[in-house]
N, C-alpha and C. Protein backbone atom coordinates (compact mmCIF):
# COMPACT_ATOMS: atom_id res chain seq x y z
N MET A 1 107.18 42.57 119.22
CA MET A 1 105.67 43.78 120.32
C MET A 1 105.42 44.52 118.90
N ALA A 2 106.25 44.93 118.65
CA ALA A 2 105.54 46.57 118.03
C ALA A 2 104.77 45.44 116.53
N GLY A 3 105.17 43.99 116.21
CA GLY A 3 104.40 43.44 115.27
C GLY A 3 103.24 42.85 115.42
N ALA A 4 103.41 42.48 116.38
CA ALA A 4 101.97 41.94 116.89
C ALA A 4 100.92 42.92 117.60
N PHE A 5 101.75 44.55 117.64
CA PHE A 5 100.46 45.83 117.88
C PHE A 5 100.36 46.68 116.80
N LEU A 6 100.83 46.27 115.03
CA LEU A 6 100.94 46.36 114.22
C LEU A 6 100.05 45.75 113.01
N GLY A 7 99.44 44.51 113.84
CA GLY A 7 98.25 43.63 113.67
C GLY A 7 97.05 44.33 112.99
N ASP A 8 97.06 44.98 113.65
CA ASP A 8 95.42 45.92 114.14
C ASP A 8 95.45 47.08 112.66
N PHE A 9 96.74 47.17 112.18
CA PHE A 9 96.95 48.80 111.63
C PHE A 9 97.19 47.89 109.76
N VAL A 10 98.06 47.04 109.84
CA VAL A 10 98.90 46.04 108.05
C VAL A 10 97.23 45.52 107.94
N LYS A 11 96.94 45.46 106.94
CA LYS A 11 95.62 44.79 106.18
C LYS A 11 96.90 43.97 105.39
N GLY A 12 95.80 42.91 104.54
CA GLY A 12 97.33 42.32 103.36
C GLY A 12 98.04 41.11 103.52
N THR A 13 98.31 40.48 102.38
CA THR A 13 99.48 39.21 102.49
C THR A 13 101.05 40.38 103.49
N LEU A 14 101.70 39.55 103.84
CA LEU A 14 102.90 40.11 104.10
C LEU A 14 104.15 39.85 102.70
N VAL A 15 105.01 40.64 102.74
CA VAL A 15 105.49 39.97 101.18
C VAL A 15 107.29 40.31 101.70
N GLY A 16 107.41 41.14 102.74
CA GLY A 16 108.29 41.29 103.15
C GLY A 16 109.46 42.75 103.32
N GLU A 17 108.17 43.62 103.27
CA GLU A 17 108.09 45.41 103.29
C GLU A 17 108.48 45.71 104.26
N ARG A 18 108.59 44.70 105.46
CA ARG A 18 109.14 45.30 106.93
C ARG A 18 110.53 43.88 107.51
N PRO A 19 110.96 44.26 108.66
CA PRO A 19 112.06 43.67 109.16
C PRO A 19 111.04 42.44 109.58
N ASN A 20 112.19 40.62 109.35
CA ASN A 20 110.88 39.94 109.73
C ASN A 20 110.71 39.71 110.98
N HIS A 21 111.08 40.02 111.45
CA HIS A 21 110.32 40.52 113.54
C HIS A 21 109.20 41.38 113.86
N ILE A 22 109.51 42.17 112.81
CA ILE A 22 108.24 42.76 112.75
C ILE A 22 106.98 41.96 111.93
N GLU A 23 107.26 41.39 110.97
CA GLU A 23 106.42 40.37 109.99
C GLU A 23 105.38 39.51 111.20
N THR A 24 106.44 39.05 111.87
CA THR A 24 106.26 37.19 112.38
C THR A 24 105.40 38.21 113.71
N GLY A 25 105.61 39.35 114.22
CA GLY A 25 104.21 39.72 114.95
C GLY A 25 103.37 40.34 114.75
N ILE A 26 103.09 40.11 113.25
CA ILE A 26 102.25 40.55 112.36
C ILE A 26 101.48 39.11 112.56
N ARG A 27 102.40 37.90 112.11
CA ARG A 27 101.32 37.18 111.57
C ARG A 27 100.95 36.19 113.17
N PHE A 28 101.57 36.58 114.04
CA PHE A 28 101.48 36.44 115.49
C PHE A 28 100.24 36.71 115.86
N HIS A 29 100.25 38.23 115.89
CA HIS A 29 98.81 38.86 116.34
C HIS A 29 97.88 37.96 115.46
N ARG A 30 97.98 37.97 114.39
CA ARG A 30 96.85 37.29 113.65
C ARG A 30 96.22 36.18 113.87
N ALA A 31 97.35 35.38 113.78
CA ALA A 31 97.58 33.94 114.63
C ALA A 31 96.30 33.69 115.65
N VAL A 32 96.88 35.02 116.63
CA VAL A 32 96.05 34.42 117.98
C VAL A 32 94.89 35.62 117.78
N ASP A 33 94.29 35.99 116.52
CA ASP A 33 92.57 36.90 116.58
C ASP A 33 91.99 35.55 116.38
N ALA A 34 92.66 35.07 115.02
CA ALA A 34 92.06 33.90 114.82
C ALA A 34 91.89 32.12 115.78
N PHE A 35 92.73 32.15 116.11
CA PHE A 35 92.27 31.73 117.27
C PHE A 35 91.49 31.94 118.20
N VAL A 36 91.02 32.76 118.94
CA VAL A 36 90.12 33.89 119.73
C VAL A 36 88.75 33.64 119.33
N ASP A 37 89.38 34.05 117.82
CA ASP A 37 87.41 33.71 117.30
C ASP A 37 87.23 32.65 116.95
N SER A 38 87.83 31.82 117.02
CA SER A 38 87.64 30.36 116.86
C SER A 38 87.32 29.28 117.98
N HIS A 39 87.45 30.03 119.42
CA HIS A 39 87.38 29.10 120.98
C HIS A 39 85.91 28.93 121.04
N PRO A 40 85.89 27.84 120.78
CA PRO A 40 83.95 27.76 121.63
C PRO A 40 84.04 28.25 123.26
N ILE A 41 84.62 28.58 123.72
CA ILE A 41 84.78 29.31 124.67
C ILE A 41 84.08 31.11 124.62
N GLN A 42 85.06 31.48 123.26
CA GLN A 42 85.05 33.69 123.10
C GLN A 42 83.00 33.10 122.26
N ARG A 43 82.78 31.87 121.91
CA ARG A 43 81.33 31.59 120.97
C ARG A 43 80.41 31.46 122.53
N GLN A 44 80.86 30.88 123.85
CA GLN A 44 80.17 30.92 124.51
C GLN A 44 79.70 32.21 125.25
N SER A 45 80.83 33.13 125.05
CA SER A 45 80.51 34.33 126.21
C SER A 45 79.69 34.81 124.99
N ILE A 46 79.82 34.98 123.49
CA ILE A 46 79.06 35.76 122.59
C ILE A 46 77.46 35.58 123.11
N ASP A 47 77.43 34.22 122.87
CA ASP A 47 75.81 33.51 123.40
C ASP A 47 75.64 33.82 124.58
N ARG A 48 76.37 34.74 125.85
CA ARG A 48 75.16 35.34 126.54
C ARG A 48 75.06 36.63 126.03
N PHE A 49 75.11 37.29 125.45
CA PHE A 49 74.35 38.73 125.04
C PHE A 49 73.01 38.49 124.67
N GLN A 50 72.11 39.40 124.29
CA GLN A 50 71.45 39.81 123.96
C GLN A 50 71.33 40.08 122.20
N PRO A 51 70.79 39.48 121.44
CA PRO A 51 70.86 38.87 120.13
C PRO A 51 71.34 40.13 119.05
N HIS A 52 70.94 41.29 119.87
CA HIS A 52 71.01 42.08 118.68
C HIS A 52 72.94 42.88 118.83
N PHE A 53 73.31 42.54 119.81
CA PHE A 53 74.40 43.13 120.13
C PHE A 53 75.55 41.65 120.06
N ARG A 54 74.96 40.36 119.60
CA ARG A 54 76.40 39.08 119.18
C ARG A 54 76.96 40.19 118.10
N ARG A 55 76.60 40.03 116.82
CA ARG A 55 77.30 41.06 115.98
C ARG A 55 78.01 41.39 116.18
N TYR A 56 78.32 42.11 117.17
CA TYR A 56 79.65 42.96 117.59
C TYR A 56 80.36 42.28 119.05
N GLY A 57 80.29 40.96 119.25
CA GLY A 57 80.43 40.09 120.25
C GLY A 57 81.65 40.05 119.90
N GLY A 58 82.13 39.80 119.48
CA GLY A 58 84.35 39.37 119.16
C GLY A 58 84.15 40.34 119.55
N ILE A 59 83.66 41.88 119.70
CA ILE A 59 84.51 42.95 119.38
C ILE A 59 84.25 43.45 121.26
N ILE A 60 82.96 42.87 121.41
CA ILE A 60 82.85 43.21 123.52
C ILE A 60 83.75 42.61 123.72
N CYS A 61 84.16 41.11 123.79
CA CYS A 61 84.80 40.63 124.41
C CYS A 61 85.92 40.25 124.12
N ASP A 62 86.79 41.08 122.99
CA ASP A 62 87.89 41.47 123.12
C ASP A 62 88.17 42.70 124.35
N VAL A 63 87.26 43.25 124.16
CA VAL A 63 87.57 43.97 125.05
C VAL A 63 87.57 44.17 126.36
N VAL A 64 86.66 43.11 126.22
CA VAL A 64 86.46 42.66 128.05
C VAL A 64 87.29 42.03 128.82
N TYR A 65 87.74 41.16 127.82
CA TYR A 65 88.76 40.23 128.22
C TYR A 65 90.61 40.62 128.32
N ASP A 66 90.52 41.57 128.01
CA ASP A 66 91.74 42.26 128.13
C ASP A 66 91.25 42.96 129.09
N HIS A 67 90.49 43.74 130.18
CA HIS A 67 89.65 43.93 130.99
C HIS A 67 90.12 43.34 132.59
N PHE A 68 89.57 41.79 132.35
CA PHE A 68 90.26 40.66 132.77
C PHE A 68 91.76 40.30 132.61
N LEU A 69 91.99 40.47 131.85
CA LEU A 69 93.62 40.15 131.93
C LEU A 69 94.02 40.86 132.77
N ALA A 70 94.03 42.36 132.51
CA ALA A 70 94.81 43.83 133.27
C ALA A 70 94.11 42.99 135.08
N ASN A 71 93.08 43.19 135.38
CA ASN A 71 92.81 42.49 136.89
C ASN A 71 93.01 41.92 137.19
N HIS A 72 93.34 40.98 136.51
CA HIS A 72 93.89 39.24 136.75
C HIS A 72 95.68 39.24 136.26
N TRP A 73 96.05 40.18 135.86
CA TRP A 73 97.44 39.95 135.75
C TRP A 73 98.18 38.94 136.24
N LEU A 74 98.54 39.08 137.59
CA LEU A 74 99.51 38.77 138.28
C LEU A 74 98.98 36.55 138.51
N THR A 75 97.84 36.85 138.20
CA THR A 75 97.42 34.67 137.86
C THR A 75 98.11 34.41 136.51
N PHE A 76 98.42 34.89 135.26
CA PHE A 76 99.29 34.48 134.16
C PHE A 76 100.20 35.02 133.70
N CYS A 77 100.92 35.73 134.40
CA CYS A 77 102.58 36.61 134.39
C CYS A 77 103.11 37.06 136.02
N ASP A 78 104.11 37.02 135.69
CA ASP A 78 105.11 37.45 137.20
C ASP A 78 105.47 38.98 137.08
N GLN A 79 105.59 39.05 135.89
CA GLN A 79 105.97 40.53 136.04
C GLN A 79 104.81 41.89 136.07
N ASP A 80 105.31 43.16 137.37
CA ASP A 80 104.57 44.44 137.30
C ASP A 80 103.43 44.69 136.25
N PHE A 81 102.05 44.53 136.11
CA PHE A 81 101.81 44.99 135.21
C PHE A 81 102.17 46.93 134.80
N VAL A 82 102.04 47.14 135.48
CA VAL A 82 102.71 48.50 135.18
C VAL A 82 104.14 49.06 134.40
N GLN A 83 104.60 48.08 134.55
CA GLN A 83 106.06 48.35 134.38
C GLN A 83 105.68 47.07 132.80
N PHE A 84 105.10 46.57 132.88
CA PHE A 84 105.08 45.94 131.41
C PHE A 84 104.04 46.16 130.56
N CYS A 85 103.46 47.57 130.59
CA CYS A 85 102.50 48.82 129.91
C CYS A 85 103.69 49.52 129.88
N GLU A 86 104.36 49.93 130.42
CA GLU A 86 105.78 50.84 130.60
C GLU A 86 106.61 50.43 129.02
N GLU A 87 106.82 48.57 128.76
CA GLU A 87 108.34 48.76 128.91
C GLU A 87 107.59 48.14 127.24
N SER A 88 106.09 47.30 126.78
CA SER A 88 105.42 47.25 125.76
C SER A 88 105.57 48.30 125.52
N TYR A 89 104.87 50.09 125.72
CA TYR A 89 105.18 50.64 125.10
C TYR A 89 106.72 51.49 124.28
N ALA A 90 107.30 51.46 125.32
CA ALA A 90 108.92 51.76 124.73
C ALA A 90 109.29 50.65 123.51
N ALA A 91 109.14 49.35 123.79
CA ALA A 91 108.98 48.87 122.76
C ALA A 91 108.74 48.66 121.46
N ILE A 92 107.26 49.02 121.36
CA ILE A 92 106.54 49.94 120.20
C ILE A 92 107.51 50.65 119.55
N LEU A 93 107.44 52.11 120.25
CA LEU A 93 107.93 53.17 119.52
C LEU A 93 109.27 52.82 119.32
N SER A 94 110.52 52.05 120.08
CA SER A 94 111.76 51.92 119.67
C SER A 94 111.45 51.53 117.93
N GLU A 95 110.69 50.83 117.93
CA GLU A 95 110.16 50.08 116.07
C GLU A 95 109.27 51.81 115.37
N ARG A 96 108.99 52.75 115.68
CA ARG A 96 108.56 53.74 115.18
C ARG A 96 109.19 53.26 113.30
N ALA A 97 109.76 53.68 112.87
CA ALA A 97 110.24 53.42 111.52
C ALA A 97 110.06 53.00 111.23
N HIS A 98 109.02 51.51 111.58
CA HIS A 98 108.26 50.60 111.12
C HIS A 98 107.44 50.67 111.07
N LEU A 99 106.74 51.85 112.04
CA LEU A 99 104.97 52.05 111.52
C LEU A 99 104.77 53.12 111.32
N SER A 100 103.15 52.58 110.61
CA SER A 100 102.48 54.30 109.82
C SER A 100 102.70 55.48 110.37
N SER A 101 102.07 56.29 110.25
CA SER A 101 101.69 57.50 111.44
C SER A 101 100.29 56.90 112.06
N SER A 102 99.46 56.43 111.38
CA SER A 102 98.44 56.25 112.12
C SER A 102 98.49 55.30 113.59
N ALA A 103 99.80 54.51 113.36
CA ALA A 103 100.23 53.26 114.28
C ALA A 103 100.82 54.38 115.44
N ALA A 104 102.23 54.59 114.98
CA ALA A 104 102.88 55.42 115.75
C ALA A 104 101.81 56.39 116.34
N GLU A 105 101.06 57.41 116.13
CA GLU A 105 99.70 58.63 116.51
C GLU A 105 99.38 57.87 117.98
N THR A 106 98.89 56.39 117.67
CA THR A 106 98.27 55.98 118.43
C THR A 106 99.41 55.31 119.01
N ILE A 107 100.11 54.52 119.14
CA ILE A 107 100.43 54.30 120.55
C ILE A 107 101.30 55.51 121.25
N THR A 108 101.17 56.17 120.65
CA THR A 108 102.28 58.24 121.79
C THR A 108 100.44 58.55 122.30
N ARG A 109 99.33 58.23 121.87
CA ARG A 109 98.52 58.49 122.85
C ARG A 109 98.30 57.81 124.05
N MET A 110 98.35 56.40 123.08
CA MET A 110 97.81 55.69 124.33
C MET A 110 98.75 55.72 125.50
N GLN A 111 100.27 55.50 125.35
CA GLN A 111 101.14 55.92 126.26
C GLN A 111 100.89 57.32 127.26
N ARG A 112 100.58 58.37 126.59
CA ARG A 112 100.44 60.18 127.00
C ARG A 112 99.51 59.69 127.84
N TYR A 113 98.40 59.04 127.41
CA TYR A 113 96.61 58.58 128.71
C TYR A 113 96.70 57.52 129.30
N GLY A 114 97.77 56.21 129.54
CA GLY A 114 97.95 55.21 129.97
C GLY A 114 97.30 54.39 129.68
N SER A 115 96.89 54.46 128.51
CA SER A 115 96.05 53.24 127.58
C SER A 115 95.66 51.80 128.30
N LEU A 116 96.91 51.37 128.29
CA LEU A 116 97.01 49.82 128.74
C LEU A 116 96.86 49.65 130.52
N GLU A 117 97.22 50.73 131.14
CA GLU A 117 96.87 50.79 132.53
C GLU A 117 95.68 50.53 132.96
N SER A 118 94.52 51.62 131.85
CA SER A 118 93.24 52.26 132.07
C SER A 118 92.48 50.77 131.81
N TYR A 119 93.23 49.74 131.34
CA TYR A 119 92.30 48.16 130.96
C TYR A 119 91.56 47.97 132.27
N ARG A 120 92.29 48.41 133.75
CA ARG A 120 91.52 47.50 134.63
C ARG A 120 90.23 48.17 135.15
N SER A 121 90.21 49.60 134.65
CA SER A 121 89.27 50.01 135.05
C SER A 121 87.43 50.36 133.85
N GLU A 122 86.40 49.83 135.07
CA GLU A 122 85.06 49.25 134.38
C GLU A 122 85.19 50.69 133.02
N THR A 123 85.03 51.86 134.06
CA THR A 123 85.09 53.22 133.44
C THR A 123 85.24 53.22 131.88
N TYR A 124 87.32 52.93 131.56
CA TYR A 124 87.64 53.10 130.14
C TYR A 124 86.66 51.55 129.37
N ILE A 125 86.11 51.12 130.03
CA ILE A 125 85.89 49.62 128.78
C ILE A 125 84.69 50.65 128.44
N SER A 126 84.27 51.25 128.92
CA SER A 126 82.89 51.55 128.65
C SER A 126 82.91 52.56 127.32
N ARG A 127 84.05 53.36 128.32
CA ARG A 127 84.31 54.54 127.09
C ARG A 127 85.03 53.65 126.17
N SER A 128 85.42 52.28 125.80
CA SER A 128 86.39 52.41 124.73
C SER A 128 85.12 51.36 124.11
N LEU A 129 84.53 51.30 124.25
CA LEU A 129 83.16 50.29 123.40
C LEU A 129 82.35 51.07 123.12
N GLU A 130 82.53 52.42 123.84
CA GLU A 130 81.25 53.67 123.33
C GLU A 130 83.00 54.00 121.28
N HIS A 131 84.13 54.42 121.87
CA HIS A 131 84.40 55.59 120.53
C HIS A 131 84.64 54.24 119.91
N ILE A 132 84.60 52.30 120.12
CA ILE A 132 84.61 51.91 118.74
C ILE A 132 83.47 51.79 118.14
N GLY A 133 82.65 51.88 118.96
CA GLY A 133 81.14 52.25 118.52
C GLY A 133 81.60 53.44 116.93
N GLN A 134 81.49 54.68 117.95
CA GLN A 134 81.42 55.79 116.60
C GLN A 134 82.62 55.49 115.73
N ARG A 135 83.51 54.75 115.44
CA ARG A 135 84.78 54.21 115.01
C ARG A 135 83.81 53.59 113.67
N LEU A 136 83.36 52.70 113.74
CA LEU A 136 82.74 51.56 112.53
C LEU A 136 82.18 52.01 112.06
N LYS A 137 82.02 51.82 110.62
CA LYS A 137 80.79 52.97 109.21
C LYS A 137 79.20 52.36 109.89
N ARG A 138 79.10 51.98 110.32
CA ARG A 138 77.63 51.34 110.31
C ARG A 138 77.25 51.36 111.71
N ALA A 139 75.72 51.44 111.59
CA ALA A 139 74.79 51.86 112.16
C ALA A 139 75.47 50.79 113.60
N ASN A 140 75.60 50.79 115.05
CA ASN A 140 76.07 49.44 115.76
C ASN A 140 75.30 49.86 117.19
N PRO A 141 74.93 49.09 118.23
CA PRO A 141 75.10 48.75 119.42
C PRO A 141 75.84 49.37 120.89
N LEU A 142 77.06 49.52 120.28
CA LEU A 142 78.04 49.36 120.64
C LEU A 142 78.51 50.69 122.11
N ASP A 143 77.18 51.24 121.19
CA ASP A 143 77.37 52.48 122.93
C ASP A 143 76.34 51.99 123.98
N GLU A 144 75.76 50.84 124.20
CA GLU A 144 75.25 50.62 125.01
C GLU A 144 75.68 48.97 125.35
N SER A 145 77.04 48.65 124.69
CA SER A 145 76.84 47.21 125.31
C SER A 145 77.44 46.70 126.72
N PHE A 146 78.29 47.77 127.01
CA PHE A 146 78.45 48.29 128.20
C PHE A 146 77.67 47.27 129.48
N GLN A 147 76.15 47.85 129.18
CA GLN A 147 75.96 46.91 130.36
C GLN A 147 75.64 45.21 129.99
N GLU A 148 75.94 44.80 128.76
CA GLU A 148 76.09 43.19 128.61
C GLU A 148 76.84 42.95 129.52
N TYR A 149 77.68 43.48 129.82
CA TYR A 149 78.86 43.85 130.24
C TYR A 149 78.89 43.43 132.30
N ILE A 150 78.10 44.51 132.79
CA ILE A 150 77.81 44.74 134.27
C ILE A 150 76.54 43.07 134.09
N GLN A 151 75.63 42.95 133.01
CA GLN A 151 74.99 42.21 133.08
C GLN A 151 75.56 40.39 133.79
N HIS A 152 76.32 40.18 132.42
CA HIS A 152 76.75 38.74 132.90
C HIS A 152 78.72 39.06 132.93
N GLN A 153 78.40 40.36 133.94
CA GLN A 153 80.22 40.39 134.43
C GLN A 153 80.39 38.71 134.71
N THR A 154 80.32 37.94 135.78
CA THR A 154 80.44 36.99 136.36
C THR A 154 80.70 35.78 135.40
N GLU A 155 79.66 35.54 134.75
CA GLU A 155 80.00 34.50 133.40
C GLU A 155 81.21 34.86 132.68
N LEU A 156 81.10 36.14 132.02
CA LEU A 156 82.10 36.38 131.41
C LEU A 156 83.25 36.64 132.19
N GLU A 157 83.94 36.54 133.51
CA GLU A 157 85.07 37.00 133.88
C GLU A 157 85.73 34.93 133.80
N GLN A 158 84.29 34.17 134.14
CA GLN A 158 84.18 32.88 134.46
C GLN A 158 84.93 32.37 132.99
N ASP A 159 84.87 33.06 132.10
CA ASP A 159 85.12 32.29 130.56
C ASP A 159 86.21 32.71 130.64
N PHE A 160 86.46 33.81 130.79
CA PHE A 160 87.83 34.17 130.49
C PHE A 160 88.75 32.98 131.13
N LEU A 161 88.66 32.94 132.63
CA LEU A 161 89.70 31.94 133.03
C LEU A 161 89.49 31.24 132.96
N THR A 162 88.74 30.33 132.08
CA THR A 162 88.56 28.76 131.86
C THR A 162 89.62 29.38 130.43
N PHE A 163 88.85 29.98 129.67
CA PHE A 163 90.16 30.35 127.99
C PHE A 163 91.17 30.57 128.38
N MET A 164 92.17 31.45 129.19
CA MET A 164 92.98 31.79 129.24
C MET A 164 93.78 31.01 128.68
N PRO A 165 94.24 29.85 129.26
CA PRO A 165 95.29 28.62 129.19
C PRO A 165 95.47 28.13 128.52
N SER A 166 94.05 28.14 127.13
CA SER A 166 94.33 27.65 126.37
C SER A 166 94.81 28.60 125.13
N LEU A 167 94.65 29.54 125.27
CA LEU A 167 95.27 30.80 124.39
C LEU A 167 96.92 31.13 125.15
N GLU A 168 97.39 30.87 126.39
CA GLU A 168 98.82 31.13 126.60
C GLU A 168 99.31 30.00 126.09
N ALA A 169 98.89 28.44 126.43
CA ALA A 169 99.42 26.89 125.42
C ALA A 169 99.50 27.70 123.59
N PHE A 170 98.14 27.79 123.76
CA PHE A 170 98.54 28.38 122.10
C PHE A 170 99.93 29.20 121.74
N ALA A 171 99.76 30.64 122.41
CA ALA A 171 101.17 31.60 121.68
C ALA A 171 102.01 31.45 122.07
N ASP A 172 102.04 29.92 123.40
CA ASP A 172 103.29 29.44 123.47
C ASP A 172 104.31 28.37 122.17
N ASP A 173 102.81 27.40 121.54
CA ASP A 173 103.71 26.98 120.88
C ASP A 173 103.51 27.44 119.51
N TRP A 174 103.31 28.59 119.26
CA TRP A 174 102.85 29.25 117.90
C TRP A 174 104.22 29.89 118.08
N LEU A 175 104.62 30.69 118.73
CA LEU A 175 106.15 31.46 119.37
C LEU A 175 107.34 30.04 118.75
N ARG A 176 107.12 29.20 120.02
CA ARG A 176 107.60 28.18 119.71
C ARG A 176 108.73 27.28 118.24
N ALA A 177 106.95 27.79 117.40
CA ALA A 177 106.68 27.18 116.02
C ALA A 177 107.59 27.63 114.97
N ASN A 178 107.50 29.54 115.06
CA ASN A 178 107.72 30.09 114.38
C ASN A 178 108.94 31.57 114.97
N VAL A 179 109.43 31.63 116.15
CA VAL A 179 110.63 32.26 116.23
C VAL A 179 111.65 31.51 116.24
N GLU A 180 112.48 32.61 115.72
CA GLU A 180 114.32 31.83 115.68
C GLU A 180 114.71 32.11 116.90
N PRO A 181 115.12 31.36 117.28
CA PRO A 181 115.54 31.35 118.90
C PRO A 181 116.84 32.44 118.41
N GLN A 182 116.98 33.26 119.84
CA GLN A 182 117.70 34.80 119.61
C GLN A 182 119.17 33.79 119.94
N THR A 183 120.37 34.00 118.84
CA THR A 183 121.66 33.62 119.33
C THR A 183 122.26 34.79 119.83
N SER A 184 122.87 34.65 120.58
CA SER A 184 124.37 35.44 121.80
C SER A 184 125.43 36.25 120.51
C-alpha cells in the first residue's frame, strides 16, 4: 500500500534503496498508470473533452474515475469504503520510515482532512482539479475542467464502469505475477 502511494513521489529507476515490498508497490503503481494511460476506454473518455482540455485529459480522468470508484465502491469491493480509507492511511503511515518528507506530509494531510473519503463529493472533485492546475508549472485549463465533467458525466461514468473490470483483471494478473506469496 505504501509503495503504491509512493508511485507519485518516487521518480527514476528503482535500485533496491527501499524494502522489496515498497519497491513492488511503486512498480505496481507505475504498471497501473501505464495500463490506464494506454487503454482505449481512457482515450474514449479524453476524446469527449473539448480540444483544449484533451492535453490534460489523463489528469481529469484520473480524478473523475476516482470519484466514480468511490461512488460505486461496493460494486468492486465488499469492504466498507470508509473502513478501507482508514486502513489505507494507517498502512501507509506504518511505513513512515520509507516515506519522503513530502509523501509523509501529504498522507498525514489526506488523513486529517479525509481526502479519500471526499472523493465521493463533486465539490471535492472540482477543488482537486483546480488545485492540481495550480501546482502545474505551465498555464493550463484545469480550473475550468470541472465543467467538462458536468457536461459528460453520464458518458464518463459509463466509460468508467466499462473500463473497471479490465483494470481489476490487469491488477490481479500483475499482482499474481509479481508479488511473492506470504508464508506463515
